[in-house]
């Protein structure tokens, strides 16, 4: 019995394709904010973005992670605030 031969680039086929970048209007709709607000936040470095020429580009997966972090941060602040009020 002859062992099965795999093509030389068989391992390369298992790599996920790169994520497509979206513009500020699509990203803003994803987050539920106005696109100008999103662009201002990107300029300030408040969220993950990259400027390409004159337009801002975003990865939805990074924005989703950023959103989760923001929610966790707000929850932590609330819990700390509630605990401080109880201790007074």
N, C-alpha and C. Protein backbone atom coordinates (compact mmCIF):
# COMPACT_ATOMS: atom_id res chain seq x y z
N UNK A 1 0.84 -1.18 0.00
CA UNK A 1 0.00 0.00 0.00
C UNK A 1 0.89 1.25 0.00
N UNK A 2 0.59 2.22 -0.85
CA UNK A 2 1.37 3.44 -0.99
C UNK A 2 0.78 4.52 -0.09
N UNK A 3 1.61 5.21 0.74
CA UNK A 3 1.06 6.28 1.59
C UNK A 3 0.52 7.42 0.74
N UNK A 4 -0.52 8.06 1.26
CA UNK A 4 -1.14 9.18 0.53
C UNK A 4 -0.21 10.38 0.55
N UNK A 5 -0.02 10.98 -0.60
CA UNK A 5 0.85 12.15 -0.72
C UNK A 5 -0.01 13.42 -0.64
N UNK A 6 0.43 14.34 0.18
CA UNK A 6 -0.26 15.63 0.29
C UNK A 6 0.47 16.65 -0.56
N UNK A 7 -0.26 17.56 -1.19
CA UNK A 7 0.42 18.61 -1.95
C UNK A 7 1.28 19.46 -1.02
N UNK A 8 2.37 20.04 -1.52
CA UNK A 8 3.28 20.82 -0.68
C UNK A 8 2.63 22.00 0.03
N UNK A 9 1.61 22.58 -0.54
CA UNK A 9 0.98 23.75 0.09
C UNK A 9 -0.28 23.37 0.87
N UNK A 10 -0.43 22.13 1.26
CA UNK A 10 -1.63 21.69 1.98
C UNK A 10 -1.78 22.43 3.30
N UNK A 11 -0.68 22.72 4.00
CA UNK A 11 -0.76 23.43 5.27
C UNK A 11 -1.20 24.87 5.08
N UNK A 12 -0.87 25.48 3.99
CA UNK A 12 -1.25 26.88 3.75
C UNK A 12 -2.76 27.02 3.60
N UNK A 13 -3.45 25.96 3.20
CA UNK A 13 -4.90 26.03 3.03
C UNK A 13 -5.63 26.10 4.36
N UNK A 14 -4.98 25.77 5.47
CA UNK A 14 -5.63 25.79 6.78
C UNK A 14 -5.61 27.16 7.43
N UNK A 15 -4.90 28.11 6.86
CA UNK A 15 -4.83 29.47 7.42
C UNK A 15 -6.09 30.23 7.04
N UNK A 16 -6.69 30.89 8.02
CA UNK A 16 -7.91 31.66 7.75
C UNK A 16 -7.58 32.86 6.86
N UNK A 17 -8.49 33.19 5.96
CA UNK A 17 -8.25 34.36 5.11
C UNK A 17 -8.29 35.64 5.96
N UNK A 18 -7.59 36.67 5.54
CA UNK A 18 -7.59 37.92 6.32
C UNK A 18 -8.99 38.53 6.35
N UNK A 19 -9.28 39.18 7.47
CA UNK A 19 -10.59 39.82 7.63
C UNK A 19 -10.67 41.06 6.75
N UNK A 20 -11.82 41.27 6.15
CA UNK A 20 -12.03 42.43 5.29
C UNK A 20 -12.22 43.67 6.15
N UNK A 21 -11.59 44.75 5.74
CA UNK A 21 -11.74 46.02 6.44
C UNK A 21 -13.04 46.68 6.01
N UNK A 22 -13.63 47.45 6.92
CA UNK A 22 -14.86 48.19 6.60
C UNK A 22 -14.61 49.67 6.83
N UNK A 23 -15.42 50.50 6.16
CA UNK A 23 -15.26 51.95 6.32
C UNK A 23 -16.01 52.44 7.56
N UNK A 24 -15.92 53.73 7.80
CA UNK A 24 -16.49 54.29 9.03
C UNK A 24 -18.02 54.20 9.06
N UNK A 25 -18.66 54.24 7.93
CA UNK A 25 -20.14 54.15 7.94
C UNK A 25 -20.60 52.76 8.36
N UNK A 26 -19.96 51.73 7.85
CA UNK A 26 -20.32 50.36 8.22
C UNK A 26 -19.99 50.11 9.69
N UNK A 27 -18.79 50.54 10.10
CA UNK A 27 -18.37 50.35 11.48
C UNK A 27 -19.29 51.11 12.45
N UNK A 28 -19.70 52.32 12.06
CA UNK A 28 -20.59 53.11 12.91
C UNK A 28 -21.94 52.43 13.05
N UNK A 29 -22.45 51.88 11.97
CA UNK A 29 -23.72 51.16 12.04
C UNK A 29 -23.59 49.94 12.96
N UNK A 30 -22.45 49.27 12.90
CA UNK A 30 -22.20 48.11 13.75
C UNK A 30 -22.24 48.50 15.23
N UNK A 31 -21.67 49.66 15.57
CA UNK A 31 -21.63 50.11 16.96
C UNK A 31 -22.86 50.93 17.36
N UNK A 32 -23.63 51.38 16.38
CA UNK A 32 -24.83 52.16 16.68
C UNK A 32 -24.54 53.61 17.01
N UNK A 33 -23.52 54.18 16.34
CA UNK A 33 -23.20 55.59 16.53
C UNK A 33 -23.11 56.26 15.16
N UNK A 34 -23.09 57.58 15.15
CA UNK A 34 -22.94 58.30 13.90
C UNK A 34 -21.51 58.14 13.39
N UNK A 35 -21.34 58.10 12.08
CA UNK A 35 -20.01 57.84 11.53
C UNK A 35 -19.01 58.95 11.86
N UNK A 36 -19.48 60.19 12.01
CA UNK A 36 -18.57 61.28 12.37
C UNK A 36 -18.09 61.12 13.82
N UNK A 37 -18.96 60.65 14.68
CA UNK A 37 -18.58 60.36 16.06
C UNK A 37 -17.51 59.28 16.09
N UNK A 38 -17.71 58.26 15.30
CA UNK A 38 -16.74 57.16 15.22
C UNK A 38 -15.39 57.65 14.71
N UNK A 39 -15.40 58.47 13.69
CA UNK A 39 -14.15 59.01 13.14
C UNK A 39 -13.43 59.88 14.17
N UNK A 40 -14.19 60.66 14.94
CA UNK A 40 -13.59 61.50 15.98
C UNK A 40 -12.95 60.62 17.05
N UNK A 41 -13.63 59.55 17.43
CA UNK A 41 -13.08 58.62 18.42
C UNK A 41 -11.81 57.95 17.89
N UNK A 42 -11.80 57.63 16.60
CA UNK A 42 -10.62 57.02 15.98
C UNK A 42 -9.45 58.01 15.98
N UNK A 43 -9.72 59.27 15.64
CA UNK A 43 -8.68 60.30 15.65
C UNK A 43 -8.07 60.47 17.04
N UNK A 44 -8.89 60.33 18.06
CA UNK A 44 -8.44 60.49 19.43
C UNK A 44 -7.75 59.22 19.96
N UNK A 45 -7.78 58.15 19.18
CA UNK A 45 -7.16 56.90 19.61
C UNK A 45 -7.96 56.13 20.63
N UNK A 46 -9.27 56.35 20.66
CA UNK A 46 -10.11 55.70 21.66
C UNK A 46 -10.55 54.30 21.26
N UNK A 47 -10.43 53.98 19.98
CA UNK A 47 -10.82 52.65 19.51
C UNK A 47 -9.89 52.20 18.40
N UNK A 48 -9.87 50.89 18.12
CA UNK A 48 -8.94 50.38 17.11
C UNK A 48 -9.35 50.79 15.70
N UNK A 49 -8.46 51.48 15.00
CA UNK A 49 -8.73 51.95 13.65
C UNK A 49 -7.42 52.25 12.95
N UNK A 50 -7.52 52.37 11.64
CA UNK A 50 -6.34 52.70 10.84
C UNK A 50 -6.78 53.66 9.73
N UNK A 51 -6.01 54.72 9.56
CA UNK A 51 -6.33 55.67 8.49
C UNK A 51 -5.60 55.25 7.23
N UNK A 52 -6.36 55.09 6.15
CA UNK A 52 -5.80 54.73 4.85
C UNK A 52 -6.17 55.86 3.90
N UNK A 53 -5.18 56.65 3.53
CA UNK A 53 -5.47 57.82 2.71
C UNK A 53 -6.31 58.79 3.50
N UNK A 54 -7.49 59.09 2.98
CA UNK A 54 -8.39 60.03 3.66
C UNK A 54 -9.49 59.32 4.44
N UNK A 55 -9.54 57.99 4.38
CA UNK A 55 -10.64 57.29 5.04
C UNK A 55 -10.14 56.42 6.19
N UNK A 56 -11.01 56.23 7.16
CA UNK A 56 -10.73 55.36 8.29
C UNK A 56 -11.19 53.95 7.95
N UNK A 57 -10.40 52.97 8.38
CA UNK A 57 -10.72 51.56 8.16
C UNK A 57 -10.77 50.86 9.52
N UNK A 58 -11.68 49.90 9.62
CA UNK A 58 -11.92 49.21 10.88
C UNK A 58 -12.07 47.71 10.61
N UNK A 59 -11.74 46.91 11.62
CA UNK A 59 -12.02 45.48 11.60
C UNK A 59 -13.14 45.24 12.61
N UNK A 60 -14.23 44.64 12.15
CA UNK A 60 -15.38 44.45 13.03
C UNK A 60 -15.03 43.57 14.23
N UNK A 61 -14.14 42.61 14.05
CA UNK A 61 -13.78 41.75 15.18
C UNK A 61 -13.09 42.56 16.27
N UNK A 62 -12.22 43.51 15.89
CA UNK A 62 -11.55 44.36 16.88
C UNK A 62 -12.53 45.32 17.55
N UNK A 63 -13.48 45.83 16.78
CA UNK A 63 -14.49 46.71 17.36
C UNK A 63 -15.38 45.94 18.33
N UNK A 64 -15.66 44.70 18.01
CA UNK A 64 -16.47 43.88 18.91
C UNK A 64 -15.73 43.63 20.22
N UNK A 65 -14.44 43.34 20.14
CA UNK A 65 -13.63 43.16 21.35
C UNK A 65 -13.57 44.46 22.15
N UNK A 66 -13.40 45.59 21.46
CA UNK A 66 -13.36 46.88 22.11
C UNK A 66 -14.68 47.13 22.86
N UNK A 67 -15.79 46.81 22.20
CA UNK A 67 -17.11 47.00 22.81
C UNK A 67 -17.26 46.14 24.07
N UNK A 68 -16.79 44.90 24.01
CA UNK A 68 -16.85 44.03 25.19
C UNK A 68 -16.04 44.61 26.34
N UNK A 69 -14.84 45.11 26.03
CA UNK A 69 -14.00 45.72 27.05
C UNK A 69 -14.69 46.93 27.68
N UNK A 70 -15.35 47.73 26.85
CA UNK A 70 -16.05 48.91 27.36
C UNK A 70 -17.18 48.50 28.30
N UNK A 71 -17.90 47.45 27.92
CA UNK A 71 -18.99 46.98 28.78
C UNK A 71 -18.46 46.46 30.11
N UNK A 72 -17.38 45.69 30.06
CA UNK A 72 -16.78 45.18 31.29
C UNK A 72 -16.26 46.31 32.16
N UNK A 73 -15.66 47.31 31.53
CA UNK A 73 -15.14 48.46 32.27
C UNK A 73 -16.27 49.20 32.97
N UNK A 74 -17.36 49.41 32.28
CA UNK A 74 -18.50 50.11 32.88
C UNK A 74 -19.09 49.31 34.02
N UNK A 75 -19.15 48.00 33.86
CA UNK A 75 -19.68 47.14 34.91
C UNK A 75 -18.78 47.21 36.15
N UNK A 76 -17.48 47.16 35.94
CA UNK A 76 -16.53 47.23 37.05
C UNK A 76 -16.66 48.56 37.78
N UNK A 77 -16.78 49.66 37.03
CA UNK A 77 -16.94 50.98 37.66
C UNK A 77 -18.20 51.03 38.50
N UNK A 78 -19.29 50.45 37.98
CA UNK A 78 -20.55 50.44 38.73
C UNK A 78 -20.44 49.64 40.01
N UNK A 79 -19.79 48.47 39.90
CA UNK A 79 -19.64 47.63 41.09
C UNK A 79 -18.80 48.32 42.14
N UNK A 80 -17.71 48.96 41.72
CA UNK A 80 -16.87 49.69 42.67
C UNK A 80 -17.62 50.85 43.30
N UNK A 81 -18.41 51.55 42.51
CA UNK A 81 -19.18 52.67 43.01
C UNK A 81 -20.21 52.19 44.03
N UNK A 82 -20.86 51.09 43.74
CA UNK A 82 -21.87 50.54 44.65
C UNK A 82 -21.23 50.09 45.95
N UNK A 83 -20.07 49.43 45.86
CA UNK A 83 -19.37 48.97 47.07
C UNK A 83 -18.91 50.15 47.92
N UNK A 84 -18.45 51.22 47.30
CA UNK A 84 -18.00 52.40 48.04
C UNK A 84 -19.16 53.06 48.78
N UNK A 85 -20.32 53.11 48.14
CA UNK A 85 -21.49 53.71 48.78
C UNK A 85 -21.95 52.88 49.96
N UNK A 86 -21.85 51.54 49.85
CA UNK A 86 -22.25 50.67 50.94
C UNK A 86 -21.31 50.80 52.14
N UNK A 87 -20.03 51.07 51.87
CA UNK A 87 -19.04 51.17 52.94
C UNK A 87 -19.07 52.50 53.66
N UNK A 88 -19.77 53.49 53.14
CA UNK A 88 -19.81 54.82 53.76
C UNK A 88 -20.74 54.88 54.93
